């Protein structure tokens, strides 16, 4: 389970980095741009995907282009969410996106709805309501409310899951799909940064570059270690899925509470326990 632990650590460190970057005068949009340069380079170096596989008929280019748009937007939303709602609630909203993915599996991909899945779905929806509950100390000021960005994170990660499922159903290799999505995301973000610089809105900084490259390494590390965990335990996909998601929830709660002093209401804390139970129930029957 070492790979699962490393994947969970990378996931939480992404949130930690996004939470502290503004203290060091880092432009988040620039960092997210360089993140995709690092992630695409690491993907090419480690997995060496075959571009020829994308020349075959039936490649779901709409889903690939959707990923290229949604992924960077989601990163920007994550940065806002960890600042407004905190690491704990943001990470749990991210993990509970599997509820919407599960609904999509029922209605779009014809997956059967078993008792455990439905119970997990019900518990998860209750958990999400608890996570959206605002702590009494949280105020809506210049930074804005946490509620919209938490919902955006929840829905955004589910949209990514659905697009990845569409790509998998089409038979397009995962590594090649990831590579082209990263490259397209970088190109789109780079064009936006060039426009920002041309208009005089920002200046490119070395600090944003360094943070972005580190962000990309953590982003890709989360993916590669999770894939490695599945390869190391090919007959236990449900165990990998559950331990990864529950591990992230537990680690985020520890880091948020101890490292950043994030205060949670009893409703939020109860929602964490419900989220863990929901993930365990869904993992019990969702994976072969």
Protein backbone atom coordinates (compact mmCIF):
# COMPACT_ATOMS: atom_id res chain seq x y z
CA UNK A 1 0.00 0.00 0.00
CA UNK A 2 3.04 2.28 -0.25
CA UNK A 3 1.89 3.56 -3.64
CA UNK A 4 -1.55 4.40 -2.20
CA UNK A 5 0.07 6.39 0.61
CA UNK A 6 2.33 8.27 -1.82
CA UNK A 7 -0.64 9.06 -4.06
CA UNK A 8 -2.66 10.38 -1.10
CA UNK A 9 0.28 12.48 0.08
CA UNK A 10 0.69 14.02 -3.39
CA UNK A 11 -3.03 14.82 -3.55
CA UNK A 12 -3.04 16.61 -0.19
CA UNK A 13 0.26 18.41 -0.94
CA UNK A 14 -1.35 19.87 -4.07
CA UNK A 15 -4.01 21.45 -1.84
CA UNK A 16 -1.38 22.60 0.67
CA UNK A 17 0.66 24.25 -2.09
CA UNK A 18 -2.41 25.96 -3.53
CA UNK A 19 -3.29 27.23 -0.06
CA UNK A 20 0.09 28.86 0.64
CA UNK A 21 1.13 30.16 -2.79
CA UNK A 22 -0.39 33.61 -2.33
CA UNK A 23 1.82 34.18 0.70
CA UNK A 24 4.81 34.10 -1.66
CA UNK A 25 3.33 36.43 -4.30
CA UNK A 26 2.77 33.63 -6.81
CA UNK A 27 0.30 34.13 -9.65
CA UNK A 28 -1.92 31.05 -9.49
CA UNK A 29 -2.89 31.14 -13.17
CA UNK A 30 0.76 31.15 -14.20
CA UNK A 31 1.53 28.31 -11.80
CA UNK A 32 -1.34 26.24 -13.19
CA UNK A 33 -0.03 26.84 -16.71
CA UNK A 34 3.49 25.59 -15.88
CA UNK A 35 1.92 22.72 -13.96
CA UNK A 36 0.65 21.26 -17.25
CA UNK A 37 4.03 21.68 -18.90
CA UNK A 38 5.61 19.62 -16.09
CA UNK A 39 2.81 17.04 -16.06
CA UNK A 40 2.93 16.51 -19.84
CA UNK A 41 6.74 16.22 -19.79
CA UNK A 42 6.63 13.65 -16.97
CA UNK A 43 3.87 11.73 -18.72
CA UNK A 44 5.98 11.53 -21.90
CA UNK A 45 9.12 10.58 -19.97
CA UNK A 46 7.66 7.92 -17.66
CA UNK A 47 4.87 6.34 -19.71
CA UNK A 48 6.06 7.13 -23.25
CA UNK A 49 2.54 7.06 -24.76
CA UNK A 50 2.16 6.29 -28.45
CA UNK A 51 0.70 9.29 -30.33
CA UNK A 52 -0.26 7.00 -33.22
CA UNK A 53 -3.04 5.55 -31.06
CA UNK A 54 -4.86 8.89 -31.35
CA UNK A 55 -4.91 8.63 -35.14
CA UNK A 56 -7.27 5.66 -35.02
CA UNK A 57 -10.98 6.14 -35.84
CA UNK A 58 -13.38 6.55 -32.95
CA UNK A 59 -11.11 8.68 -30.76
CA UNK A 60 -13.44 10.78 -28.53
CA UNK A 61 -11.91 14.16 -29.32
CA UNK A 62 -14.82 16.00 -27.75
CA UNK A 63 -14.06 14.38 -24.39
CA UNK A 64 -10.33 15.03 -24.80
CA UNK A 65 -10.94 18.70 -25.60
CA UNK A 66 -13.36 18.84 -22.68
CA UNK A 67 -10.64 17.57 -20.36
CA UNK A 68 -8.21 20.15 -21.72
CA UNK A 69 -10.68 22.90 -20.77
CA UNK A 70 -12.09 21.52 -17.51
CA UNK A 71 -8.79 20.41 -15.92
CA UNK A 72 -7.16 23.87 -15.71
CA UNK A 73 -10.45 25.53 -14.73
CA UNK A 74 -10.77 22.95 -11.96
CA UNK A 75 -7.25 23.70 -10.75
CA UNK A 76 -8.12 27.38 -10.51
CA UNK A 77 -11.29 26.49 -8.59
CA UNK A 78 -9.25 24.29 -6.24
CA UNK A 79 -6.99 27.24 -5.45
CA UNK A 80 -10.01 29.39 -4.58
CA UNK A 81 -11.67 26.59 -2.61
CA UNK A 82 -8.71 25.78 -0.35
CA UNK A 83 -8.43 29.49 0.44
CA UNK A 84 -12.12 29.99 1.23
CA UNK A 85 -13.28 26.60 2.51
CA UNK A 86 -10.01 25.07 3.69
CA UNK A 87 -8.12 21.91 2.77
CA UNK A 88 -10.38 19.48 4.65
CA UNK A 89 -13.68 20.46 3.06
CA UNK A 90 -12.12 20.91 -0.38
CA UNK A 91 -10.51 17.46 -0.41
CA UNK A 92 -13.69 15.77 0.80
CA UNK A 93 -15.77 17.57 -1.83
CA UNK A 94 -13.25 16.33 -4.38
CA UNK A 95 -13.51 12.73 -3.15
CA UNK A 96 -17.30 12.82 -2.94
CA UNK A 97 -17.46 13.72 -6.63
CA UNK A 98 -17.64 9.93 -7.05
CA UNK A 99 -21.33 10.25 -6.08
CA UNK A 100 -22.09 12.22 -9.23
CA UNK A 101 -19.85 9.87 -11.22
CA UNK A 102 -21.90 6.98 -9.84
CA UNK A 103 -25.14 8.62 -10.94
CA UNK A 104 -23.65 9.12 -14.39
CA UNK A 105 -22.69 5.44 -14.45
CA UNK A 106 -26.30 4.49 -13.69
CA UNK A 107 -27.94 6.78 -16.23
CA UNK A 108 -25.33 7.18 -18.99
CA UNK A 109 -23.39 3.92 -19.01
CA UNK A 110 -26.06 1.45 -17.88
CA UNK A 111 -24.28 0.27 -14.73
CA UNK A 112 -26.59 -1.69 -12.39
CA UNK A 113 -27.50 -0.02 -9.10
CA UNK A 114 -26.98 -2.47 -6.22
CA UNK A 115 -28.05 -2.03 -2.60
CA UNK A 116 -24.56 -1.17 -1.35
CA UNK A 117 -24.09 1.44 -4.07
CA UNK A 118 -27.43 3.07 -3.33
CA UNK A 119 -26.75 3.09 0.42
CA UNK A 120 -23.31 4.55 -0.24
CA UNK A 121 -24.85 7.16 -2.52
CA UNK A 122 -27.38 8.17 0.15
CA UNK A 123 -24.71 8.42 2.85
CA UNK A 124 -22.44 10.33 0.51
CA UNK A 125 -25.12 12.89 -0.34
CA UNK A 126 -25.73 13.43 3.38
CA UNK A 127 -21.97 13.81 3.85
CA UNK A 128 -21.82 16.39 1.06
CA UNK A 129 -24.58 18.41 2.72
CA UNK A 130 -22.56 18.33 5.93
CA UNK A 131 -19.38 19.44 4.14
CA UNK A 132 -21.26 22.35 2.55
CA UNK A 133 -22.45 23.45 5.99
CA UNK A 134 -20.58 26.63 6.85
CA UNK A 135 -18.62 26.77 10.13
CA UNK A 136 -19.77 29.58 12.42
CA UNK A 137 -16.43 31.43 12.13
CA UNK A 138 -16.58 31.49 8.33
CA UNK A 139 -17.64 34.83 6.98
CA UNK A 140 -18.35 36.04 3.48
CA UNK A 141 -16.02 38.98 2.87
CA UNK A 142 -13.96 40.21 -0.03
CA UNK A 143 -12.83 36.65 -0.75
CA UNK A 144 -16.44 35.53 -1.28
CA UNK A 145 -18.45 32.54 -0.13
CA UNK A 146 -17.02 29.02 0.04
CA UNK A 147 -20.28 27.35 -1.00
CA UNK A 148 -20.15 28.01 -4.80
CA UNK A 149 -16.53 26.90 -5.17
CA UNK A 150 -17.08 23.74 -3.12
CA UNK A 151 -19.96 22.83 -5.43
CA UNK A 152 -17.80 23.70 -8.46
CA UNK A 153 -15.05 21.35 -7.21
CA UNK A 154 -17.61 18.61 -6.53
CA UNK A 155 -19.21 18.88 -9.97
CA UNK A 156 -15.93 19.52 -11.79
CA UNK A 157 -14.19 16.37 -10.62
CA UNK A 158 -17.29 14.35 -11.47
CA UNK A 159 -17.24 15.83 -14.98
CA UNK A 160 -13.60 14.76 -15.35
CA UNK A 161 -14.52 11.23 -14.23
CA UNK A 162 -17.34 11.05 -16.79
CA UNK A 163 -15.07 12.23 -19.61
CA UNK A 164 -12.39 9.71 -18.62
CA UNK A 165 -15.06 7.00 -18.64
CA UNK A 166 -16.13 8.04 -22.15
CA UNK A 167 -12.50 7.85 -23.29
CA UNK A 168 -12.09 4.41 -21.71
CA UNK A 169 -15.30 3.11 -23.32
CA UNK A 170 -13.99 4.29 -26.70
CA UNK A 171 -10.88 2.16 -26.17
CA UNK A 172 -8.42 5.06 -26.35
CA UNK A 173 -5.23 4.32 -24.35
CA UNK A 174 -5.23 6.08 -20.98
CA UNK A 175 -1.66 7.36 -21.17
CA UNK A 176 -2.06 8.83 -24.67
CA UNK A 177 -5.34 10.47 -23.63
CA UNK A 178 -3.72 11.98 -20.56
CA UNK A 179 -0.75 13.21 -22.56
CA UNK A 180 -2.82 15.00 -25.21
CA UNK A 181 -5.12 16.51 -22.56
CA UNK A 182 -2.14 17.88 -20.62
CA UNK A 183 -0.56 19.31 -23.77
CA UNK A 184 -3.79 20.94 -24.93
CA UNK A 185 -4.40 22.32 -21.43
CA UNK A 186 -0.91 23.83 -21.41
CA UNK A 187 -1.38 25.38 -24.85
CA UNK A 188 -4.71 26.91 -23.87
CA UNK A 189 -3.37 28.28 -20.59
CA UNK A 190 -0.17 29.56 -22.27
CA UNK A 191 -2.23 31.53 -24.79
CA UNK A 192 -4.21 33.06 -21.92
CA UNK A 193 -1.00 34.02 -20.06
CA UNK A 194 0.42 35.57 -23.24
CA UNK A 195 -2.73 37.70 -23.56
CA UNK A 196 -2.49 38.74 -19.91
CA UNK A 197 1.14 39.79 -20.36
CA UNK A 198 0.38 41.60 -23.64
CA UNK A 199 -2.39 43.58 -21.93
CA UNK A 200 -0.06 44.47 -19.08
CA UNK A 201 -2.19 42.67 -16.48
CA UNK A 202 0.69 40.53 -15.17
CA UNK A 203 4.38 39.84 -15.58
CA UNK A 204 5.80 36.37 -15.88
CA UNK A 205 7.79 35.47 -12.76
CA UNK A 206 10.36 32.82 -11.95
CA UNK A 207 8.59 32.19 -8.66
CA UNK A 208 5.37 31.22 -10.43
CA UNK A 209 7.35 28.99 -12.80
CA UNK A 210 9.07 27.10 -9.97
CA UNK A 211 5.83 26.65 -8.02
CA UNK A 212 4.03 25.56 -11.19
CA UNK A 213 6.64 22.92 -11.98
CA UNK A 214 6.41 21.60 -8.41
CA UNK A 215 2.62 21.60 -8.68
CA UNK A 216 2.87 19.60 -11.91
CA UNK A 217 5.19 17.06 -10.30
CA UNK A 218 2.75 16.56 -7.41
CA UNK A 219 -0.23 16.45 -9.78
CA UNK A 220 1.36 13.79 -11.94
CA UNK A 221 2.74 11.99 -8.87
CA UNK A 222 -0.80 11.58 -7.56
CA UNK A 223 -1.81 9.93 -10.84
CA UNK A 224 1.25 7.75 -11.39
CA UNK A 225 1.32 6.39 -7.84
CA UNK A 226 -2.40 5.61 -7.97
CA UNK A 227 -1.94 3.74 -11.26
CA UNK A 228 1.10 1.97 -9.79
CA UNK A 229 -0.98 0.88 -6.80
CA UNK A 230 -3.54 -0.73 -9.13
CA UNK A 231 -0.75 -2.46 -11.04
CA UNK A 232 0.82 -3.73 -7.82
CA UNK A 233 -2.54 -5.07 -6.58
CA UNK A 234 -4.32 -6.05 -9.81
CA UNK A 235 -6.80 -8.31 -8.02
CA UNK A 236 -7.79 -5.76 -5.37
CA UNK A 237 -9.05 -2.66 -7.23
CA UNK A 238 -11.75 -1.94 -4.65
CA UNK A 239 -9.21 -1.99 -1.83
CA UNK A 240 -6.96 0.43 -3.71
CA UNK A 241 -9.89 2.72 -4.55
CA UNK A 242 -11.23 2.78 -0.99
CA UNK A 243 -7.86 3.11 0.76
CA UNK A 244 -6.81 5.93 -1.56
CA UNK A 245 -9.97 8.00 -1.05
CA UNK A 246 -10.29 7.31 2.67
CA UNK A 247 -6.57 7.98 3.09
CA UNK A 248 -6.91 11.38 1.43
CA UNK A 249 -9.87 12.27 3.65
CA UNK A 250 -8.00 11.27 6.82
CA UNK A 251 -4.74 12.96 5.80
CA UNK A 252 -6.51 16.14 4.71
CA UNK A 253 -8.35 16.28 8.06
CA UNK A 254 -5.04 15.91 9.92
CA UNK A 255 -3.15 18.47 7.82
CA UNK A 256 -6.01 20.96 7.81
CA UNK A 257 -6.64 20.77 11.54
CA UNK A 258 -3.04 20.53 12.78
CA UNK A 259 -1.13 22.37 10.08
CA UNK A 260 -3.56 25.20 9.35
CA UNK A 261 -5.87 25.28 12.36
CA UNK A 262 -9.00 24.75 10.28
CA UNK A 263 -12.01 24.60 12.57
CA UNK A 264 -14.89 22.29 11.77
CA UNK A 265 -18.39 22.14 13.22
CA UNK A 266 -19.80 18.92 14.62
CA UNK A 267 -21.79 18.69 11.38
CA UNK A 268 -18.58 18.90 9.33
CA UNK A 269 -16.90 16.26 11.50
CA UNK A 270 -19.92 13.98 11.21
CA UNK A 271 -19.81 14.49 7.45
CA UNK A 272 -16.22 13.23 7.39
CA UNK A 273 -17.30 9.96 9.02
CA UNK A 274 -20.26 9.64 6.64
CA UNK A 275 -17.94 10.26 3.68
CA UNK A 276 -15.64 7.45 4.80
CA UNK A 277 -18.58 5.07 5.20
CA UNK A 278 -19.96 6.08 1.78
CA UNK A 279 -16.62 5.49 0.05
CA UNK A 280 -16.26 2.08 1.71
CA UNK A 281 -19.78 1.03 0.67
CA UNK A 282 -19.37 2.20 -2.91
CA UNK A 283 -15.96 0.55 -3.23
CA UNK A 284 -17.44 -2.72 -1.99
CA UNK A 285 -19.37 -3.30 -5.22
CA UNK A 286 -18.35 -0.62 -7.71
CA UNK A 287 -15.13 -2.26 -8.84
CA UNK A 288 -14.58 -5.80 -10.11
